[in-house]
PDB file of N, CA and C in Angstrom:
ATOM      1  N   MET A   1       0.845  -1.168   0.000  1.00  0.00           N
ATOM      2  CA  MET A   1       0.000   0.000   0.000  1.00  0.00           C
ATOM      3  C   MET A   1       0.898   1.242   0.000  1.00  0.00           C
ATOM      4  N   THR A   2       0.706   2.093  -0.979  1.00  0.00           N
ATOM      5  CA  THR A   2       1.486   3.315  -1.116  1.00  0.00           C
ATOM      6  C   THR A   2       0.612   4.508  -0.750  1.00  0.00           C
ATOM      7  N   THR A   3       1.173   5.382   0.046  1.00  0.00           N
ATOM      8  CA  THR A   3       0.436   6.589   0.398  1.00  0.00           C
ATOM      9  C   THR A   3       1.057   7.771  -0.325  1.00  0.00           C
ATOM     10  N   ASP A   4       0.208   8.710  -0.687  1.00  0.00           N
ATOM     11  CA  ASP A   4       0.693   9.925  -1.328  1.00  0.00           C
ATOM     12  C   ASP A   4       1.324  10.822  -0.264  1.00  0.00           C
ATOM     13  N   PRO A   5       2.399  11.509  -0.640  1.00  0.00           N
ATOM     14  CA  PRO A   5       3.002  12.426   0.329  1.00  0.00           C
ATOM     15  C   PRO A   5       2.060  13.591   0.630  1.00  0.00           C
ATOM     16  N   LEU A   6       2.104  14.039   1.868  1.00  0.00           N
ATOM     17  CA  LEU A   6       1.274  15.170   2.261  1.00  0.00           C
ATOM     18  C   LEU A   6       1.866  16.457   1.699  1.00  0.00           C
ATOM     19  N   PRO A   7       1.051  17.293   1.079  1.00  0.00           N
ATOM     20  CA  PRO A   7       1.586  18.534   0.521  1.00  0.00           C
ATOM     21  C   PRO A   7       1.972  19.515   1.634  1.00  0.00           C
ATOM     22  N   ILE A   8       3.085  20.196   1.446  1.00  0.00           N
ATOM     23  CA  ILE A   8       3.511  21.187   2.430  1.00  0.00           C
ATOM     24  C   ILE A   8       3.460  22.606   1.868  1.00  0.00           C
ATOM     25  N   THR A   9       3.069  22.735   0.621  1.00  0.00           N
ATOM     26  CA  THR A   9       3.092  24.049  -0.021  1.00  0.00           C
ATOM     27  C   THR A   9       2.125  25.035   0.632  1.00  0.00           C
ATOM     28  N   ARG A  10       0.876  24.646   0.795  1.00  0.00           N
ATOM     29  CA  ARG A  10      -0.126  25.560   1.349  1.00  0.00           C
ATOM     30  C   ARG A  10       0.208  25.955   2.788  1.00  0.00           C
ATOM     31  N   PRO A  11       0.543  25.004   3.688  1.00  0.00           N
ATOM     32  CA  PRO A  11       0.903  25.433   5.046  1.00  0.00           C
ATOM     33  C   PRO A  11       2.178  26.286   5.075  1.00  0.00           C
ATOM     34  N   ALA A  12       3.105  26.037   4.162  1.00  0.00           N
ATOM     35  CA  ALA A  12       4.334  26.835   4.125  1.00  0.00           C
ATOM     36  C   ALA A  12       4.025  28.270   3.703  1.00  0.00           C
ATOM     37  N   ILE A  13       3.160  28.426   2.720  1.00  0.00           N
ATOM     38  CA  ILE A  13       2.779  29.771   2.280  1.00  0.00           C
ATOM     39  C   ILE A  13       2.013  30.486   3.390  1.00  0.00           C
ATOM     40  N   LEU A  14       1.115  29.773   4.063  1.00  0.00           N
ATOM     41  CA  LEU A  14       0.372  30.359   5.173  1.00  0.00           C
ATOM     42  C   LEU A  14       1.313  30.754   6.312  1.00  0.00           C
ATOM     43  N   CYS A  15       2.310  29.945   6.563  1.00  0.00           N
ATOM     44  CA  CYS A  15       3.299  30.245   7.600  1.00  0.00           C
ATOM     45  C   CYS A  15       4.053  31.531   7.277  1.00  0.00           C
ATOM     46  N   VAL A  16       4.497  31.673   6.051  1.00  0.00           N
ATOM     47  CA  VAL A  16       5.225  32.872   5.638  1.00  0.00           C
ATOM     48  C   VAL A  16       4.315  34.099   5.688  1.00  0.00           C
ATOM     49  N   ALA A  17       3.069  33.953   5.237  1.00  0.00           N
ATOM     50  CA  ALA A  17       2.136  35.080   5.254  1.00  0.00           C
ATOM     51  C   ALA A  17       1.831  35.523   6.686  1.00  0.00           C
ATOM     52  N   CYS A  18       1.629  34.567   7.578  1.00  0.00           N
ATOM     53  CA  CYS A  18       1.359  34.916   8.978  1.00  0.00           C
ATOM     54  C   CYS A  18       2.586  35.536   9.641  1.00  0.00           C
ATOM     55  N   ALA A  19       3.768  35.043   9.306  1.00  0.00           N
ATOM     56  CA  ALA A  19       4.989  35.626   9.861  1.00  0.00           C
ATOM     57  C   ALA A  19       5.173  37.064   9.367  1.00  0.00           C
ATOM     58  N   ALA A  20       4.845  37.313   8.111  1.00  0.00           N
ATOM     59  CA  ALA A  20       4.939  38.676   7.579  1.00  0.00           C
ATOM     60  C   ALA A  20       3.929  39.591   8.264  1.00  0.00           C
ATOM     61  N   ALA A  21       2.701  39.107   8.452  1.00  0.00           N
ATOM     62  CA  ALA A  21       1.685  39.908   9.139  1.00  0.00           C
ATOM     63  C   ALA A  21       2.096  40.170  10.589  1.00  0.00           C
ATOM     64  N   ALA A  22       2.644  39.152  11.246  1.00  0.00           N
ATOM     65  CA  ALA A  22       3.109  39.332  12.621  1.00  0.00           C
ATOM     66  C   ALA A  22       4.225  40.367  12.686  1.00  0.00           C
ATOM     67  N   GLY A  23       5.148  40.303  11.744  1.00  0.00           N
ATOM     68  CA  GLY A  23       6.220  41.291  11.700  1.00  0.00           C
ATOM     69  C   GLY A  23       5.688  42.696  11.529  1.00  0.00           C
ATOM     70  N   PHE A  24       4.700  42.855  10.652  1.00  0.00           N
ATOM     71  CA  PHE A  24       4.096  44.168  10.450  1.00  0.00           C
ATOM     72  C   PHE A  24       3.434  44.679  11.721  1.00  0.00           C
ATOM     73  N   PHE A  25       2.655  43.831  12.394  1.00  0.00           N
ATOM     74  CA  PHE A  25       1.950  44.273  13.589  1.00  0.00           C
ATOM     75  C   PHE A  25       2.900  44.509  14.763  1.00  0.00           C
ATOM     76  N   TRP A  26       3.998  43.733  14.866  1.00  0.00           N
ATOM     77  CA  TRP A  26       4.997  44.029  15.897  1.00  0.00           C
ATOM     78  C   TRP A  26       5.660  45.367  15.618  1.00  0.00           C
ATOM     79  N   TRP A  27       5.928  45.655  14.355  1.00  0.00           N
ATOM     80  CA  TRP A  27       6.500  46.950  13.992  1.00  0.00           C
ATOM     81  C   TRP A  27       5.523  48.078  14.345  1.00  0.00           C
ATOM     82  N   ALA A  28       4.233  47.888  14.027  1.00  0.00           N
ATOM     83  CA  ALA A  28       3.231  48.907  14.340  1.00  0.00           C
ATOM     84  C   ALA A  28       3.136  49.121  15.851  1.00  0.00           C
ATOM     85  N   PHE A  29       3.178  48.035  16.619  1.00  0.00           N
ATOM     86  CA  PHE A  29       3.154  48.156  18.079  1.00  0.00           C
ATOM     87  C   PHE A  29       4.365  48.948  18.571  1.00  0.00           C
ATOM     88  N   HIS A  30       5.514  48.646  18.027  1.00  0.00           N
ATOM     89  CA  HIS A  30       6.726  49.348  18.445  1.00  0.00           C
ATOM     90  C   HIS A  30       6.640  50.826  18.105  1.00  0.00           C
ATOM     91  N   GLU A  31       6.190  51.149  16.920  1.00  0.00           N
ATOM     92  CA  GLU A  31       6.127  52.546  16.494  1.00  0.00           C
ATOM     93  C   GLU A  31       5.008  53.332  17.183  1.00  0.00           C
ATOM     94  N   ARG A  32       3.855  52.713  17.354  1.00  0.00           N
ATOM     95  CA  ARG A  32       2.694  53.442  17.864  1.00  0.00           C
ATOM     96  C   ARG A  32       2.585  53.438  19.384  1.00  0.00           C
ATOM     97  N   TYR A  33       3.273  52.526  20.074  1.00  0.00           N
ATOM     98  CA  TYR A  33       3.127  52.484  21.519  1.00  0.00           C
ATOM     99  C   TYR A  33       4.461  52.351  22.249  1.00  0.00           C
ATOM    100  N   TYR A  34       5.230  51.337  21.960  1.00  0.00           N
ATOM    101  CA  TYR A  34       6.369  50.965  22.793  1.00  0.00           C
ATOM    102  C   TYR A  34       7.426  52.065  22.898  1.00  0.00           C
ATOM    103  N   ARG A  35       7.719  52.727  21.800  1.00  0.00           N
ATOM    104  CA  ARG A  35       8.756  53.763  21.829  1.00  0.00           C
ATOM    105  C   ARG A  35       8.385  54.943  22.703  1.00  0.00           C
ATOM    106  N   ARG A  36       7.114  55.228  22.820  1.00  0.00           N
ATOM    107  CA  ARG A  36       6.678  56.399  23.591  1.00  0.00           C
ATOM    108  C   ARG A  36       5.757  56.026  24.744  1.00  0.00           C
ATOM    109  N   ARG A  37       5.932  54.846  25.302  1.00  0.00           N
ATOM    110  CA  ARG A  37       5.058  54.390  26.375  1.00  0.00           C
ATOM    111  C   ARG A  37       5.199  55.250  27.633  1.00  0.00           C
ATOM    112  N   ASP A  38       6.385  55.782  27.905  1.00  0.00           N
ATOM    113  CA  ASP A  38       6.564  56.632  29.083  1.00  0.00           C
ATOM    114  C   ASP A  38       5.744  57.915  28.961  1.00  0.00           C
ATOM    115  N   CYS A  39       5.746  58.516  27.809  1.00  0.00           N
ATOM    116  CA  CYS A  39       4.974  59.741  27.573  1.00  0.00           C
ATOM    117  C   CYS A  39       3.477  59.462  27.687  1.00  0.00           C
ATOM    118  N   ILE A  40       3.023  58.342  27.138  1.00  0.00           N
ATOM    119  CA  ILE A  40       1.604  57.989  27.177  1.00  0.00           C
ATOM    120  C   ILE A  40       1.166  57.741  28.614  1.00  0.00           C
ATOM    121  N   GLU A  41       1.978  57.025  29.384  1.00  0.00           N
ATOM    122  CA  GLU A  41       1.634  56.733  30.775  1.00  0.00           C
ATOM    123  C   GLU A  41       1.670  58.000  31.633  1.00  0.00           C
ATOM    124  N   ALA A  42       2.618  58.886  31.370  1.00  0.00           N
ATOM    125  CA  ALA A  42       2.727  60.115  32.157  1.00  0.00           C
ATOM    126  C   ALA A  42       1.546  61.050  31.924  1.00  0.00           C
ATOM    127  N   SER A  43       1.048  61.089  30.719  1.00  0.00           N
ATOM    128  CA  SER A  43      -0.066  61.988  30.428  1.00  0.00           C
ATOM    129  C   SER A  43      -1.421  61.371  30.752  1.00  0.00           C
ATOM    130  N   ALA A  44      -1.446  60.068  31.010  1.00  0.00           N
ATOM    131  CA  ALA A  44      -2.654  59.320  31.397  1.00  0.00           C
ATOM    132  C   ALA A  44      -3.719  59.259  30.304  1.00  0.00           C
ATOM    133  N   SER A  45      -3.463  59.776  29.128  1.00  0.00           N
ATOM    134  CA  SER A  45      -4.457  59.619  28.063  1.00  0.00           C
ATOM    135  C   SER A  45      -3.802  59.552  26.696  1.00  0.00           C
ATOM    136  N   SER A  46      -3.078  60.582  26.302  1.00  0.00           N
ATOM    137  CA  SER A  46      -2.471  60.578  24.979  1.00  0.00           C
ATOM    138  C   SER A  46      -1.184  61.384  25.010  1.00  0.00           C
ATOM    139  N   CYS A  47      -0.430  61.232  23.955  1.00  0.00           N
ATOM    140  CA  CYS A  47       0.865  61.891  23.859  1.00  0.00           C
ATOM    141  C   CYS A  47       0.999  62.459  22.441  1.00  0.00           C
ATOM    142  N   ILE A  48       1.371  63.719  22.356  1.00  0.00           N
ATOM    143  CA  ILE A  48       1.597  64.344  21.049  1.00  0.00           C
ATOM    144  C   ILE A  48       3.078  64.224  20.726  1.00  0.00           C
ATOM    145  N   THR A  49       3.396  63.612  19.601  1.00  0.00           N
ATOM    146  CA  THR A  49       4.785  63.427  19.189  1.00  0.00           C
ATOM    147  C   THR A  49       5.285  64.699  18.502  1.00  0.00           C
ATOM    148  N   PRO A  50       6.602  64.817  18.326  1.00  0.00           N
ATOM    149  CA  PRO A  50       7.140  65.999  17.643  1.00  0.00           C
ATOM    150  C   PRO A  50       6.605  66.185  16.218  1.00  0.00           C
ATOM    151  N   ASP A  51       6.232  65.074  15.555  1.00  0.00           N
ATOM    152  CA  ASP A  51       5.701  65.212  14.199  1.00  0.00           C
ATOM    153  C   ASP A  51       4.188  65.431  14.175  1.00  0.00           C
ATOM    154  N   GLY A  52       3.568  65.576  15.353  1.00  0.00           N
ATOM    155  CA  GLY A  52       2.150  65.902  15.422  1.00  0.00           C
ATOM    156  C   GLY A  52       1.212  64.725  15.579  1.00  0.00           C
ATOM    157  N   ALA A  53       1.715  63.502  15.627  1.00  0.00           N
ATOM    158  CA  ALA A  53       0.847  62.334  15.791  1.00  0.00           C
ATOM    159  C   ALA A  53       0.356  62.254  17.237  1.00  0.00           C
ATOM    160  N   ASN A  54      -0.900  61.924  17.405  1.00  0.00           N
ATOM    161  CA  ASN A  54      -1.487  61.773  18.727  1.00  0.00           C
ATOM    162  C   ASN A  54      -1.524  60.288  19.059  1.00  0.00           C
ATOM    163  N   LEU A  55      -0.718  59.861  20.017  1.00  0.00           N
ATOM    164  CA  LEU A  55      -0.633  58.457  20.388  1.00  0.00           C
ATOM    165  C   LEU A  55      -1.422  58.219  21.665  1.00  0.00           C
ATOM    166  N   ILE A  56      -2.163  57.122  21.709  1.00  0.00           N
ATOM    167  CA  ILE A  56      -2.948  56.784  22.894  1.00  0.00           C
ATOM    168  C   ILE A  56      -2.529  55.412  23.406  1.00  0.00           C
ATOM    169  N   GLY A  57      -2.976  55.067  24.597  1.00  0.00           N
ATOM    170  CA  GLY A  57      -2.665  53.780  25.188  1.00  0.00           C
ATOM    171  C   GLY A  57      -3.240  52.611  24.410  1.00  0.00           C
ATOM    172  N   GLY A  58      -4.202  52.862  23.559  1.00  0.00           N
ATOM    173  CA  GLY A  58      -4.778  51.802  22.729  1.00  0.00           C
ATOM    174  C   GLY A  58      -3.792  51.225  21.741  1.00  0.00           C
ATOM    175  N   GLY A  59      -2.647  51.877  21.580  1.00  0.00           N
ATOM    176  CA  GLY A  59      -1.615  51.339  20.693  1.00  0.00           C
ATOM    177  C   GLY A  59      -1.082  49.999  21.163  1.00  0.00           C
ATOM    178  N   ALA A  60      -1.288  49.690  22.439  1.00  0.00           N
ATOM    179  CA  ALA A  60      -0.853  48.405  22.971  1.00  0.00           C
ATOM    180  C   ALA A  60      -1.655  47.247  22.375  1.00  0.00           C
ATOM    181  N   VAL A  61      -2.816  47.551  21.808  1.00  0.00           N
ATOM    182  CA  VAL A  61      -3.648  46.504  21.198  1.00  0.00           C
ATOM    183  C   VAL A  61      -2.939  45.866  20.001  1.00  0.00           C
ATOM    184  N   TRP A  62      -2.039  46.612  19.354  1.00  0.00           N
ATOM    185  CA  TRP A  62      -1.290  46.035  18.229  1.00  0.00           C
ATOM    186  C   TRP A  62      -0.536  44.783  18.662  1.00  0.00           C
ATOM    187  N   SER A  63      -0.099  44.735  19.916  1.00  0.00           N
ATOM    188  CA  SER A  63       0.642  43.565  20.389  1.00  0.00           C
ATOM    189  C   SER A  63      -0.238  42.318  20.456  1.00  0.00           C
ATOM    190  N   VAL A  64      -1.528  42.499  20.714  1.00  0.00           N
ATOM    191  CA  VAL A  64      -2.448  41.355  20.761  1.00  0.00           C
ATOM    192  C   VAL A  64      -2.581  40.739  19.371  1.00  0.00           C
ATOM    193  N   VAL A  65      -2.796  41.579  18.385  1.00  0.00           N
ATOM    194  CA  VAL A  65      -2.924  41.096  17.001  1.00  0.00           C
ATOM    195  C   VAL A  65      -1.612  40.454  16.556  1.00  0.00           C
ATOM    196  N   ALA A  66      -0.498  41.086  16.891  1.00  0.00           N
ATOM    197  CA  ALA A  66       0.807  40.537  16.523  1.00  0.00           C
ATOM    198  C   ALA A  66       1.042  39.184  17.192  1.00  0.00           C
ATOM    199  N   GLY A  67       0.645  39.063  18.441  1.00  0.00           N
ATOM    200  CA  GLY A  67       0.792  37.785  19.143  1.00  0.00           C
ATOM    201  C   GLY A  67      -0.039  36.681  18.524  1.00  0.00           C
ATOM    202  N   LEU A  68      -1.252  37.019  18.098  1.00  0.00           N
ATOM    203  CA  LEU A  68      -2.105  36.016  17.441  1.00  0.00           C
ATOM    204  C   LEU A  68      -1.486  35.537  16.130  1.00  0.00           C
ATOM    205  N   PHE A  69      -0.980  36.468  15.327  1.00  0.00           N
ATOM    206  CA  PHE A  69      -0.340  36.073  14.071  1.00  0.00           C
ATOM    207  C   PHE A  69       0.954  35.296  14.319  1.00  0.00           C
ATOM    208  N   THR A  70       1.680  35.642  15.375  1.00  0.00           N
ATOM    209  CA  THR A  70       2.892  34.895  15.707  1.00  0.00           C
ATOM    210  C   THR A  70       2.545  33.468  16.096  1.00  0.00           C
ATOM    211  N   GLY A  71       1.518  33.300  16.927  1.00  0.00           N
ATOM    212  CA  GLY A  71       1.087  31.960  17.318  1.00  0.00           C
ATOM    213  C   GLY A  71       0.611  31.134  16.134  1.00  0.00           C
ATOM    214  N   LEU A  72      -0.141  31.750  15.244  1.00  0.00           N
ATOM    215  CA  LEU A  72      -0.620  31.052  14.058  1.00  0.00           C
ATOM    216  C   LEU A  72       0.545  30.652  13.157  1.00  0.00           C
ATOM    217  N   SER A  73       1.527  31.518  13.038  1.00  0.00           N
ATOM    218  CA  SER A  73       2.704  31.211  12.233  1.00  0.00           C
ATOM    219  C   SER A  73       3.477  30.028  12.814  1.00  0.00           C
ATOM    220  N   ILE A  74       3.599  29.985  14.134  1.00  0.00           N
ATOM    221  CA  ILE A  74       4.308  28.878  14.779  1.00  0.00           C
ATOM    222  C   ILE A  74       3.550  27.565  14.586  1.00  0.00           C
ATOM    223  N   CYS A  75       2.219  27.616  14.674  1.00  0.00           N
ATOM    224  CA  CYS A  75       1.411  26.411  14.434  1.00  0.00           C
ATOM    225  C   CYS A  75       1.584  25.911  12.996  1.00  0.00           C
ATOM    226  N   CYS A  76       1.564  26.828  12.041  1.00  0.00           N
ATOM    227  CA  CYS A  76       1.743  26.443  10.634  1.00  0.00           C
ATOM    228  C   CYS A  76       3.138  25.859  10.412  1.00  0.00           C
ATOM    229  N   LEU A  77       4.135  26.424  11.073  1.00  0.00           N
ATOM    230  CA  LEU A  77       5.483  25.881  10.956  1.00  0.00           C
ATOM    231  C   LEU A  77       5.535  24.463  11.501  1.00  0.00           C
ATOM    232  N   GLY A  78       4.823  24.213  12.590  1.00  0.00           N
ATOM    233  CA  GLY A  78       4.744  22.852  13.122  1.00  0.00           C
ATOM    234  C   GLY A  78       4.116  21.885  12.134  1.00  0.00           C
ATOM    235  N   VAL A  79       3.059  22.325  11.449  1.00  0.00           N
ATOM    236  CA  VAL A  79       2.412  21.477  10.438  1.00  0.00           C
ATOM    237  C   VAL A  79       3.389  21.169   9.306  1.00  0.00           C
ATOM    238  N   VAL A  80       4.112  22.183   8.852  1.00  0.00           N
ATOM    239  CA  VAL A  80       5.074  21.982   7.765  1.00  0.00           C
ATOM    240  C   VAL A  80       6.155  20.984   8.181  1.00  0.00           C
ATOM    241  N   LEU A  81       6.682  21.152   9.375  1.00  0.00           N
ATOM    242  CA  LEU A  81       7.748  20.252   9.834  1.00  0.00           C
ATOM    243  C   LEU A  81       7.246  18.824  10.024  1.00  0.00           C
ATOM    244  N   ARG A  82       6.033  18.657  10.556  1.00  0.00           N
ATOM    245  CA  ARG A  82       5.479  17.304  10.702  1.00  0.00           C
ATOM    246  C   ARG A  82       5.243  16.653   9.350  1.00  0.00           C
ATOM    247  N   ARG A  83       4.747  17.428   8.387  1.00  0.00           N
ATOM    248  CA  ARG A  83       4.503  16.859   7.062  1.00  0.00           C
ATOM    249  C   ARG A  83       5.821  16.517   6.366  1.00  0.00           C
ATOM    250  N   ARG A  84       6.841  17.331   6.573  1.00  0.00           N
ATOM    251  CA  ARG A  84       8.148  17.002   5.999  1.00  0.00           C
ATOM    252  C   ARG A  84       8.670  15.700   6.568  1.00  0.00           C
ATOM    253  N   ARG A  85       8.528  15.525   7.880  1.00  0.00           N
ATOM    254  CA  ARG A  85       8.995  14.301   8.505  1.00  0.00           C
ATOM    255  C   ARG A  85       8.178  13.103   8.034  1.00  0.00           C
ATOM    256  N   ALA A  86       6.869  13.277   7.872  1.00  0.00           N
ATOM    257  CA  ALA A  86       6.003  12.191   7.402  1.00  0.00           C
ATOM    258  C   ALA A  86       6.323  11.799   5.977  1.00  0.00           C
ATOM    259  N   ASN A  87       6.754  12.781   5.165  1.00  0.00           N
ATOM    260  CA  ASN A  87       7.101  12.491   3.773  1.00  0.00           C
ATOM    261  C   ASN A  87       8.494  11.911   3.643  1.00  0.00           C
ATOM    262  N   GLY A  88       9.258  11.882   4.710  1.00  0.00           N
ATOM    263  CA  GLY A  88      10.599  11.304   4.656  1.00  0.00           C
ATOM    264  C   GLY A  88      11.643  12.204   4.029  1.00  0.00           C
ATOM    265  N   ARG A  89      11.476  13.516   4.116  1.00  0.00           N
ATOM    266  CA  ARG A  89      12.431  14.439   3.519  1.00  0.00           C
ATOM    267  C   ARG A  89      13.396  14.940   4.545  1.00  0.00           C
TER     268      ARG A  89
END
């Protein structure tokens, strides 16, 4: 009895796409909240940057989205690695 190898293309593409999305959202979190967290906490509501952007504490929400995409990317990587091992590569 011969079994067909499990395809790894779709999970690999999904893994790369989720990793790219996670990278984007981690970057957004860093730019919109983490770099100026002291100013946001000191003002208790928002912080005006030198370039005129108004930053609020809600910028921390970017980390939640980034964490979800990071977790999904790690799960997809696990699927790819298991399928590679099952295919004997």
